[in-house]
Amino acid sequence: MRAVVQRVRRASVRIAEEVVGQINLGYLVLLGVARTDQPSDVDWLVDKLIGLRIMADAEGKMNRSLSEVGGSMLVVSQFTLYGDCQKGRRPTFIAAAPPSLAVPLYERLIEQLRAKGVTVATGQFGADMQVELVNDGPVTLILDSPSRSTPVTATECVDVRAADS
């Protein structure tokens, strides 16, 4: 799994001009799911997000966790995080998980965060969304679950697709 985490003063997501999710102080999490991701990737990412100490303390240093400042998360699915632009001018998204795999893992992440006491707002999986944010700092981090420490190869993607058939 890949998450782009932005520390925000506020963030919102709209679908067809309607706000479907919004937060004040907290994290905007853009979440990509890869074809090879498993529930263990979700577990790792949930623990990492909850434990991150990137919120400012009284001196303005990144020393506090989200729970220590009473923050929330806005989680937005974004398959384009697995776009590969190495060849040509148009990205390929072969490493991104199909909805049949991505949706359950996306929902598991949200459920686990909520079960651990985090207030979570969301976008809508697969929708055309407009995301607005006020980045605080700015602070932006990229988190890749341990299974993502090496790039997904075309061979892995073909093998995974064959297994789904």
N, C-alpha and C. Protein backbone atom coordinates (compact mmCIF):
# COMPACT_ATOMS: atom_id res chain seq x y z
N MET A 1 0.85 -1.17 0.00
CA MET A 1 0.00 0.00 0.00
C MET A 1 0.89 1.22 0.00
N ARG A 2 0.37 2.25 -0.58
CA ARG A 2 1.09 3.52 -0.63
C ARG A 2 0.15 4.60 -0.13
N ALA A 3 0.67 5.41 0.79
CA ALA A 3 -0.11 6.53 1.31
C ALA A 3 0.71 7.80 1.21
N VAL A 4 0.10 8.83 0.67
CA VAL A 4 0.67 10.17 0.72
C VAL A 4 -0.07 10.85 1.87
N VAL A 5 0.69 11.22 2.89
CA VAL A 5 0.11 11.79 4.11
C VAL A 5 0.48 13.26 4.17
N GLN A 6 -0.53 14.09 4.23
CA GLN A 6 -0.30 15.53 4.33
C GLN A 6 -0.89 16.03 5.64
N ARG A 7 -0.06 16.73 6.42
CA ARG A 7 -0.56 17.35 7.64
C ARG A 7 -1.33 18.59 7.21
N VAL A 8 -2.59 18.68 7.65
CA VAL A 8 -3.45 19.75 7.16
C VAL A 8 -4.09 20.54 8.31
N ARG A 9 -4.39 21.79 8.00
CA ARG A 9 -5.23 22.61 8.89
C ARG A 9 -6.70 22.27 8.66
N ARG A 10 -7.01 21.96 7.37
CA ARG A 10 -8.34 21.50 7.00
C ARG A 10 -8.25 20.85 5.62
N ALA A 11 -9.20 19.97 5.35
CA ALA A 11 -9.27 19.31 4.05
C ALA A 11 -10.70 18.85 3.81
N SER A 12 -11.06 18.80 2.54
CA SER A 12 -12.40 18.33 2.19
C SER A 12 -12.36 17.65 0.83
N VAL A 13 -13.36 16.84 0.59
CA VAL A 13 -13.51 16.19 -0.70
C VAL A 13 -14.95 16.39 -1.16
N ARG A 14 -15.07 16.75 -2.44
CA ARG A 14 -16.38 16.98 -3.06
C ARG A 14 -16.60 16.01 -4.19
N ILE A 15 -17.86 15.64 -4.36
CA ILE A 15 -18.29 14.87 -5.51
C ILE A 15 -19.50 15.60 -6.07
N ALA A 16 -19.42 16.00 -7.32
CA ALA A 16 -20.51 16.73 -7.98
C ALA A 16 -20.95 17.93 -7.14
N GLU A 17 -19.98 18.70 -6.71
CA GLU A 17 -20.21 19.94 -5.95
C GLU A 17 -20.77 19.73 -4.54
N GLU A 18 -20.87 18.49 -4.09
CA GLU A 18 -21.35 18.21 -2.74
C GLU A 18 -20.19 17.74 -1.87
N VAL A 19 -20.01 18.35 -0.71
CA VAL A 19 -18.97 17.91 0.22
C VAL A 19 -19.40 16.58 0.83
N VAL A 20 -18.55 15.56 0.62
CA VAL A 20 -18.87 14.22 1.16
C VAL A 20 -17.98 13.86 2.35
N GLY A 21 -16.90 14.60 2.54
CA GLY A 21 -16.01 14.36 3.66
C GLY A 21 -15.18 15.59 3.94
N GLN A 22 -15.01 15.91 5.22
CA GLN A 22 -14.17 17.05 5.56
C GLN A 22 -13.64 16.91 6.98
N ILE A 23 -12.47 17.48 7.20
CA ILE A 23 -11.86 17.50 8.53
C ILE A 23 -11.24 18.87 8.77
N ASN A 24 -10.95 19.14 10.01
CA ASN A 24 -10.11 20.28 10.35
C ASN A 24 -8.71 19.73 10.59
N LEU A 25 -8.05 20.09 11.65
CA LEU A 25 -6.68 19.67 11.93
C LEU A 25 -6.52 18.15 11.82
N GLY A 26 -5.51 17.73 11.06
CA GLY A 26 -5.24 16.30 10.96
C GLY A 26 -4.44 15.93 9.75
N TYR A 27 -4.76 14.75 9.19
CA TYR A 27 -4.04 14.22 8.03
C TYR A 27 -5.01 14.01 6.88
N LEU A 28 -4.60 14.44 5.71
CA LEU A 28 -5.22 14.00 4.47
C LEU A 28 -4.38 12.82 4.00
N VAL A 29 -5.02 11.67 3.83
CA VAL A 29 -4.32 10.46 3.42
C VAL A 29 -4.84 10.06 2.04
N LEU A 30 -3.97 10.18 1.04
CA LEU A 30 -4.27 9.69 -0.30
C LEU A 30 -3.77 8.26 -0.35
N LEU A 31 -4.66 7.30 -0.61
CA LEU A 31 -4.34 5.89 -0.44
C LEU A 31 -4.39 5.13 -1.75
N GLY A 32 -3.28 4.47 -2.08
CA GLY A 32 -3.22 3.60 -3.25
C GLY A 32 -3.04 2.16 -2.80
N VAL A 33 -3.74 1.25 -3.48
CA VAL A 33 -3.63 -0.18 -3.17
C VAL A 33 -3.01 -0.87 -4.38
N ALA A 34 -1.99 -1.66 -4.13
CA ALA A 34 -1.31 -2.41 -5.20
C ALA A 34 -1.92 -3.79 -5.36
N ARG A 35 -1.70 -4.38 -6.53
CA ARG A 35 -2.23 -5.71 -6.83
C ARG A 35 -1.78 -6.77 -5.83
N THR A 36 -0.60 -6.61 -5.28
CA THR A 36 -0.02 -7.63 -4.40
C THR A 36 -0.27 -7.35 -2.92
N ASP A 37 -1.03 -6.31 -2.59
CA ASP A 37 -1.27 -5.97 -1.19
C ASP A 37 -2.16 -7.01 -0.51
N GLN A 38 -1.92 -7.15 0.80
CA GLN A 38 -2.62 -8.12 1.64
C GLN A 38 -3.14 -7.40 2.88
N PRO A 39 -4.00 -8.04 3.66
CA PRO A 39 -4.46 -7.43 4.92
C PRO A 39 -3.31 -7.01 5.85
N SER A 40 -2.18 -7.72 5.79
CA SER A 40 -1.05 -7.34 6.65
C SER A 40 -0.51 -5.96 6.27
N ASP A 41 -0.64 -5.57 5.00
CA ASP A 41 -0.22 -4.22 4.59
C ASP A 41 -1.11 -3.17 5.24
N VAL A 42 -2.40 -3.47 5.34
CA VAL A 42 -3.34 -2.56 6.01
C VAL A 42 -2.96 -2.42 7.47
N ASP A 43 -2.73 -3.55 8.13
CA ASP A 43 -2.39 -3.54 9.56
C ASP A 43 -1.15 -2.67 9.81
N TRP A 44 -0.12 -2.85 8.98
CA TRP A 44 1.11 -2.08 9.12
C TRP A 44 0.83 -0.59 8.95
N LEU A 45 0.07 -0.25 7.91
CA LEU A 45 -0.19 1.16 7.62
C LEU A 45 -1.03 1.81 8.70
N VAL A 46 -2.01 1.12 9.22
CA VAL A 46 -2.83 1.67 10.31
C VAL A 46 -1.95 1.99 11.51
N ASP A 47 -1.11 1.05 11.90
CA ASP A 47 -0.22 1.29 13.04
C ASP A 47 0.72 2.46 12.77
N LYS A 48 1.24 2.55 11.57
CA LYS A 48 2.15 3.64 11.21
C LYS A 48 1.43 4.99 11.27
N LEU A 49 0.24 5.06 10.68
CA LEU A 49 -0.51 6.33 10.67
C LEU A 49 -0.86 6.78 12.09
N ILE A 50 -1.31 5.87 12.91
CA ILE A 50 -1.69 6.22 14.27
C ILE A 50 -0.47 6.64 15.09
N GLY A 51 0.66 6.02 14.86
CA GLY A 51 1.86 6.31 15.63
C GLY A 51 2.70 7.48 15.15
N LEU A 52 2.43 7.97 13.94
CA LEU A 52 3.23 9.08 13.42
C LEU A 52 3.23 10.26 14.38
N ARG A 53 4.40 10.81 14.60
CA ARG A 53 4.52 12.00 15.45
C ARG A 53 4.96 13.16 14.56
N ILE A 54 4.00 13.67 13.79
CA ILE A 54 4.30 14.77 12.87
C ILE A 54 3.48 16.02 13.15
N MET A 55 2.70 15.98 14.23
CA MET A 55 1.95 17.18 14.61
C MET A 55 2.85 18.05 15.48
N ALA A 56 2.67 19.35 15.37
CA ALA A 56 3.53 20.30 16.07
C ALA A 56 3.25 20.33 17.57
N ASP A 57 4.33 20.44 18.35
CA ASP A 57 4.19 20.65 19.78
C ASP A 57 4.21 22.16 20.05
N ALA A 58 4.30 22.56 21.31
CA ALA A 58 4.27 23.98 21.67
C ALA A 58 5.43 24.77 21.06
N GLU A 59 6.54 24.10 20.78
CA GLU A 59 7.69 24.78 20.16
C GLU A 59 7.66 24.70 18.63
N GLY A 60 6.63 24.09 18.07
CA GLY A 60 6.52 23.96 16.62
C GLY A 60 7.28 22.78 16.04
N LYS A 61 7.78 21.89 16.90
CA LYS A 61 8.50 20.71 16.43
C LYS A 61 7.54 19.55 16.24
N MET A 62 7.87 18.67 15.30
CA MET A 62 7.03 17.50 15.04
C MET A 62 7.27 16.46 16.13
N ASN A 63 6.48 16.53 17.19
CA ASN A 63 6.64 15.65 18.34
C ASN A 63 5.35 15.00 18.81
N ARG A 64 4.22 15.39 18.24
CA ARG A 64 2.94 14.91 18.76
C ARG A 64 2.22 14.05 17.73
N SER A 65 1.47 13.09 18.25
CA SER A 65 0.68 12.23 17.38
C SER A 65 -0.67 12.88 17.11
N LEU A 66 -1.39 12.30 16.18
CA LEU A 66 -2.71 12.81 15.83
C LEU A 66 -3.65 12.79 17.04
N SER A 67 -3.62 11.72 17.81
CA SER A 67 -4.51 11.63 18.97
C SER A 67 -4.17 12.66 20.04
N GLU A 68 -2.89 13.01 20.16
CA GLU A 68 -2.48 13.99 21.16
C GLU A 68 -3.00 15.39 20.87
N VAL A 69 -3.30 15.66 19.61
CA VAL A 69 -3.80 17.00 19.26
C VAL A 69 -5.29 16.97 18.92
N GLY A 70 -5.93 15.81 19.07
CA GLY A 70 -7.36 15.70 18.76
C GLY A 70 -7.66 15.82 17.29
N GLY A 71 -6.76 15.36 16.43
CA GLY A 71 -6.93 15.47 14.99
C GLY A 71 -7.74 14.35 14.38
N SER A 72 -8.05 14.52 13.11
CA SER A 72 -8.84 13.56 12.33
C SER A 72 -8.09 13.19 11.06
N MET A 73 -8.63 12.21 10.33
CA MET A 73 -8.07 11.83 9.03
C MET A 73 -9.15 11.90 7.97
N LEU A 74 -8.76 12.38 6.81
CA LEU A 74 -9.58 12.30 5.60
C LEU A 74 -8.87 11.33 4.69
N VAL A 75 -9.47 10.18 4.43
CA VAL A 75 -8.85 9.13 3.62
C VAL A 75 -9.53 9.11 2.25
N VAL A 76 -8.71 9.27 1.20
CA VAL A 76 -9.22 9.34 -0.17
C VAL A 76 -8.49 8.30 -1.01
N SER A 77 -9.25 7.41 -1.65
CA SER A 77 -8.64 6.40 -2.51
C SER A 77 -8.06 7.07 -3.74
N GLN A 78 -6.88 6.59 -4.16
CA GLN A 78 -6.23 7.19 -5.32
C GLN A 78 -5.34 6.16 -6.01
N PHE A 79 -5.92 5.44 -6.97
CA PHE A 79 -5.17 4.39 -7.68
C PHE A 79 -4.00 4.97 -8.47
N THR A 80 -4.05 6.26 -8.80
CA THR A 80 -2.97 6.85 -9.60
C THR A 80 -1.64 6.90 -8.85
N LEU A 81 -1.64 6.62 -7.56
CA LEU A 81 -0.38 6.55 -6.82
C LEU A 81 0.49 5.41 -7.34
N TYR A 82 -0.12 4.46 -8.04
CA TYR A 82 0.63 3.37 -8.64
C TYR A 82 0.81 3.56 -10.14
N GLY A 83 0.69 4.77 -10.60
CA GLY A 83 0.95 5.07 -12.01
C GLY A 83 2.44 4.97 -12.31
N ASP A 84 2.76 4.31 -13.39
CA ASP A 84 4.15 4.16 -13.82
C ASP A 84 4.35 4.99 -15.08
N CYS A 85 5.23 5.97 -14.99
CA CYS A 85 5.50 6.89 -16.10
C CYS A 85 6.88 6.68 -16.71
N GLN A 86 7.49 5.52 -16.49
CA GLN A 86 8.85 5.29 -16.97
C GLN A 86 8.94 5.23 -18.49
N LYS A 87 7.91 4.72 -19.14
CA LYS A 87 7.93 4.60 -20.59
C LYS A 87 6.81 5.45 -21.18
N GLY A 88 7.10 6.11 -22.27
CA GLY A 88 6.07 6.86 -22.98
C GLY A 88 5.62 8.10 -22.23
N ARG A 89 4.51 8.64 -22.66
CA ARG A 89 3.97 9.88 -22.10
C ARG A 89 2.72 9.68 -21.25
N ARG A 90 2.08 8.52 -21.40
CA ARG A 90 0.90 8.23 -20.61
C ARG A 90 1.24 7.19 -19.57
N PRO A 91 0.81 7.39 -18.32
CA PRO A 91 1.11 6.40 -17.29
C PRO A 91 0.34 5.11 -17.51
N THR A 92 0.92 4.03 -17.02
CA THR A 92 0.23 2.75 -16.97
C THR A 92 -0.09 2.47 -15.50
N PHE A 93 -1.20 1.83 -15.27
CA PHE A 93 -1.64 1.58 -13.90
C PHE A 93 -1.72 0.09 -13.61
N ILE A 94 -0.87 -0.69 -14.26
CA ILE A 94 -0.91 -2.14 -14.12
C ILE A 94 -0.63 -2.60 -12.70
N ALA A 95 0.13 -1.83 -11.93
CA ALA A 95 0.45 -2.23 -10.56
C ALA A 95 -0.69 -1.93 -9.58
N ALA A 96 -1.64 -1.09 -9.97
CA ALA A 96 -2.76 -0.76 -9.09
C ALA A 96 -3.72 -1.94 -9.00
N ALA A 97 -4.26 -2.14 -7.81
CA ALA A 97 -5.20 -3.24 -7.59
C ALA A 97 -6.53 -2.96 -8.28
N PRO A 98 -7.18 -4.00 -8.79
CA PRO A 98 -8.53 -3.81 -9.31
C PRO A 98 -9.49 -3.57 -8.14
N PRO A 99 -10.64 -2.97 -8.40
CA PRO A 99 -11.59 -2.69 -7.31
C PRO A 99 -11.93 -3.91 -6.46
N SER A 100 -12.00 -5.08 -7.05
CA SER A 100 -12.35 -6.29 -6.28
C SER A 100 -11.36 -6.56 -5.14
N LEU A 101 -10.13 -6.15 -5.29
CA LEU A 101 -9.12 -6.27 -4.24
C LEU A 101 -8.98 -4.98 -3.44
N ALA A 102 -9.01 -3.86 -4.12
CA ALA A 102 -8.74 -2.57 -3.47
C ALA A 102 -9.83 -2.15 -2.49
N VAL A 103 -11.08 -2.32 -2.87
CA VAL A 103 -12.18 -1.84 -2.00
C VAL A 103 -12.15 -2.50 -0.63
N PRO A 104 -12.05 -3.83 -0.54
CA PRO A 104 -12.02 -4.43 0.80
C PRO A 104 -10.83 -3.96 1.66
N LEU A 105 -9.67 -3.75 1.03
CA LEU A 105 -8.51 -3.29 1.80
C LEU A 105 -8.67 -1.83 2.22
N TYR A 106 -9.20 -1.00 1.34
CA TYR A 106 -9.50 0.40 1.66
C TYR A 106 -10.49 0.46 2.83
N GLU A 107 -11.55 -0.33 2.76
CA GLU A 107 -12.56 -0.34 3.83
C GLU A 107 -11.98 -0.89 5.13
N ARG A 108 -11.12 -1.89 5.03
CA ARG A 108 -10.47 -2.44 6.24
C ARG A 108 -9.64 -1.37 6.94
N LEU A 109 -8.89 -0.58 6.16
CA LEU A 109 -8.08 0.48 6.74
C LEU A 109 -8.96 1.48 7.50
N ILE A 110 -10.05 1.90 6.89
CA ILE A 110 -10.95 2.86 7.53
C ILE A 110 -11.57 2.26 8.80
N GLU A 111 -12.02 1.02 8.72
CA GLU A 111 -12.61 0.35 9.89
C GLU A 111 -11.62 0.25 11.03
N GLN A 112 -10.37 -0.12 10.71
CA GLN A 112 -9.36 -0.27 11.77
C GLN A 112 -9.02 1.08 12.40
N LEU A 113 -8.90 2.12 11.59
CA LEU A 113 -8.62 3.44 12.15
C LEU A 113 -9.73 3.85 13.11
N ARG A 114 -10.97 3.68 12.68
CA ARG A 114 -12.12 4.04 13.53
C ARG A 114 -12.15 3.19 14.80
N ALA A 115 -11.84 1.91 14.69
CA ALA A 115 -11.84 1.02 15.85
C ALA A 115 -10.79 1.44 16.87
N LYS A 116 -9.75 2.12 16.40
CA LYS A 116 -8.69 2.60 17.30
C LYS A 116 -8.95 4.02 17.78
N GLY A 117 -10.17 4.52 17.52
CA GLY A 117 -10.57 5.81 18.06
C GLY A 117 -10.30 7.03 17.19
N VAL A 118 -9.87 6.82 15.95
CA VAL A 118 -9.59 7.94 15.06
C VAL A 118 -10.89 8.36 14.37
N THR A 119 -11.15 9.66 14.33
CA THR A 119 -12.26 10.19 13.56
C THR A 119 -11.82 10.21 12.11
N VAL A 120 -12.57 9.51 11.24
CA VAL A 120 -12.19 9.36 9.85
C VAL A 120 -13.32 9.82 8.95
N ALA A 121 -13.00 10.73 8.02
CA ALA A 121 -13.90 11.10 6.94
C ALA A 121 -13.32 10.48 5.67
N THR A 122 -14.16 10.29 4.67
CA THR A 122 -13.69 9.64 3.45
C THR A 122 -14.25 10.32 2.21
N GLY A 123 -13.64 9.96 1.11
CA GLY A 123 -14.21 10.25 -0.19
C GLY A 123 -15.09 9.08 -0.56
N GLN A 124 -15.23 8.83 -1.85
CA GLN A 124 -16.01 7.68 -2.33
C GLN A 124 -15.13 6.93 -3.31
N PHE A 125 -14.90 5.67 -3.04
CA PHE A 125 -14.02 4.86 -3.87
C PHE A 125 -14.47 4.92 -5.32
N GLY A 126 -13.56 5.22 -6.23
CA GLY A 126 -13.82 5.20 -7.65
C GLY A 126 -14.53 6.41 -8.22
N ALA A 127 -14.91 7.36 -7.36
CA ALA A 127 -15.63 8.54 -7.84
C ALA A 127 -14.66 9.59 -8.37
N ASP A 128 -15.19 10.49 -9.19
CA ASP A 128 -14.44 11.67 -9.63
C ASP A 128 -14.57 12.68 -8.49
N MET A 129 -13.46 12.92 -7.80
CA MET A 129 -13.49 13.74 -6.59
C MET A 129 -12.61 14.97 -6.76
N GLN A 130 -12.99 16.03 -6.08
CA GLN A 130 -12.16 17.22 -5.99
C GLN A 130 -11.75 17.35 -4.52
N VAL A 131 -10.45 17.40 -4.30
CA VAL A 131 -9.91 17.45 -2.95
C VAL A 131 -9.31 18.83 -2.72
N GLU A 132 -9.70 19.45 -1.63
CA GLU A 132 -9.14 20.74 -1.24
C GLU A 132 -8.45 20.57 0.11
N LEU A 133 -7.34 21.27 0.29
CA LEU A 133 -6.63 21.18 1.56
C LEU A 133 -5.83 22.44 1.81
N VAL A 134 -5.58 22.67 3.08
CA VAL A 134 -4.62 23.67 3.51
C VAL A 134 -3.53 22.87 4.20
N ASN A 135 -2.41 22.68 3.49
CA ASN A 135 -1.28 21.91 4.00
C ASN A 135 -0.63 22.71 5.12
N ASP A 136 -0.36 22.04 6.23
CA ASP A 136 0.21 22.70 7.41
C ASP A 136 1.70 22.40 7.47
N GLY A 137 2.50 23.39 7.25
CA GLY A 137 3.95 23.24 7.35
C GLY A 137 4.69 23.81 6.16
N PRO A 138 4.61 23.27 5.00
CA PRO A 138 3.91 22.05 4.63
C PRO A 138 4.65 20.79 5.09
N VAL A 139 3.86 19.79 5.45
CA VAL A 139 4.40 18.49 5.81
C VAL A 139 3.70 17.47 4.93
N THR A 140 4.48 16.76 4.12
CA THR A 140 3.96 15.71 3.24
C THR A 140 4.93 14.54 3.28
N LEU A 141 4.40 13.35 3.57
CA LEU A 141 5.21 12.14 3.64
C LEU A 141 4.63 11.07 2.74
N ILE A 142 5.48 10.19 2.25
CA ILE A 142 5.04 9.04 1.47
C ILE A 142 5.36 7.78 2.28
N LEU A 143 4.33 6.99 2.54
CA LEU A 143 4.50 5.74 3.27
C LEU A 143 4.21 4.57 2.34
N ASP A 144 5.16 3.65 2.24
CA ASP A 144 4.96 2.42 1.48
C ASP A 144 5.01 1.27 2.46
N SER A 145 4.00 0.40 2.41
CA SER A 145 4.02 -0.76 3.29
C SER A 145 5.24 -1.62 2.95
N PRO A 146 5.71 -2.42 3.89
CA PRO A 146 6.96 -3.18 3.67
C PRO A 146 6.99 -3.99 2.39
N SER A 147 5.86 -4.54 1.96
CA SER A 147 5.87 -5.33 0.73
C SER A 147 6.08 -4.45 -0.50
N ARG A 148 6.01 -3.14 -0.33
CA ARG A 148 6.19 -2.21 -1.44
C ARG A 148 7.60 -1.64 -1.50
N SER A 149 8.50 -2.18 -0.70
CA SER A 149 9.85 -1.63 -0.68
C SER A 149 10.59 -1.86 -2.00
N THR A 150 10.10 -2.80 -2.79
CA THR A 150 10.65 -3.00 -4.13
C THR A 150 9.52 -2.82 -5.13
N PRO A 151 9.83 -2.29 -6.31
CA PRO A 151 8.78 -2.04 -7.30
C PRO A 151 8.10 -3.33 -7.76
N VAL A 152 6.83 -3.22 -8.10
CA VAL A 152 6.10 -4.34 -8.66
C VAL A 152 6.54 -4.51 -10.10
N THR A 153 6.86 -5.74 -10.48
CA THR A 153 7.29 -5.99 -11.85
C THR A 153 6.11 -6.43 -12.70
N ALA A 154 6.26 -6.32 -14.00
CA ALA A 154 5.20 -6.74 -14.92
C ALA A 154 4.89 -8.23 -14.72
N THR A 155 5.91 -9.04 -14.43
CA THR A 155 5.71 -10.46 -14.22
C THR A 155 4.81 -10.71 -13.01
N GLU A 156 5.05 -9.98 -11.92
CA GLU A 156 4.20 -10.12 -10.74
C GLU A 156 2.77 -9.77 -11.07
N CYS A 157 2.58 -8.71 -11.83
CA CYS A 157 1.23 -8.28 -12.18
C CYS A 157 0.53 -9.31 -13.03
N VAL A 158 1.23 -9.91 -13.98
CA VAL A 158 0.62 -10.94 -14.83
C VAL A 158 0.23 -12.14 -13.97
N ASP A 159 1.12 -12.56 -13.06
CA ASP A 159 0.83 -13.69 -12.19
C ASP A 159 -0.40 -13.42 -11.33
N VAL A 160 -0.51 -12.22 -10.77
CA VAL A 160 -1.64 -11.89 -9.91
C VAL A 160 -2.92 -11.89 -10.72
N ARG A 161 -2.89 -11.31 -11.92
CA ARG A 161 -4.10 -11.30 -12.75
C ARG A 161 -4.51 -12.72 -13.13
N ALA A 162 -3.57 -13.56 -13.42
CA ALA A 162 -3.89 -14.94 -13.77
C ALA A 162 -4.57 -15.64 -12.60
N ALA A 163 -4.13 -15.33 -11.39
CA ALA A 163 -4.73 -15.93 -10.20
C ALA A 163 -6.14 -15.43 -9.97
N ASP A 164 -6.45 -14.20 -10.41
CA ASP A 164 -7.80 -13.65 -10.23
C ASP A 164 -8.79 -14.24 -11.22
N SER A 165 -8.31 -14.80 -12.30
CA SER A 165 -9.20 -15.28 -13.36
C SER A 165 -9.95 -16.52 -12.98
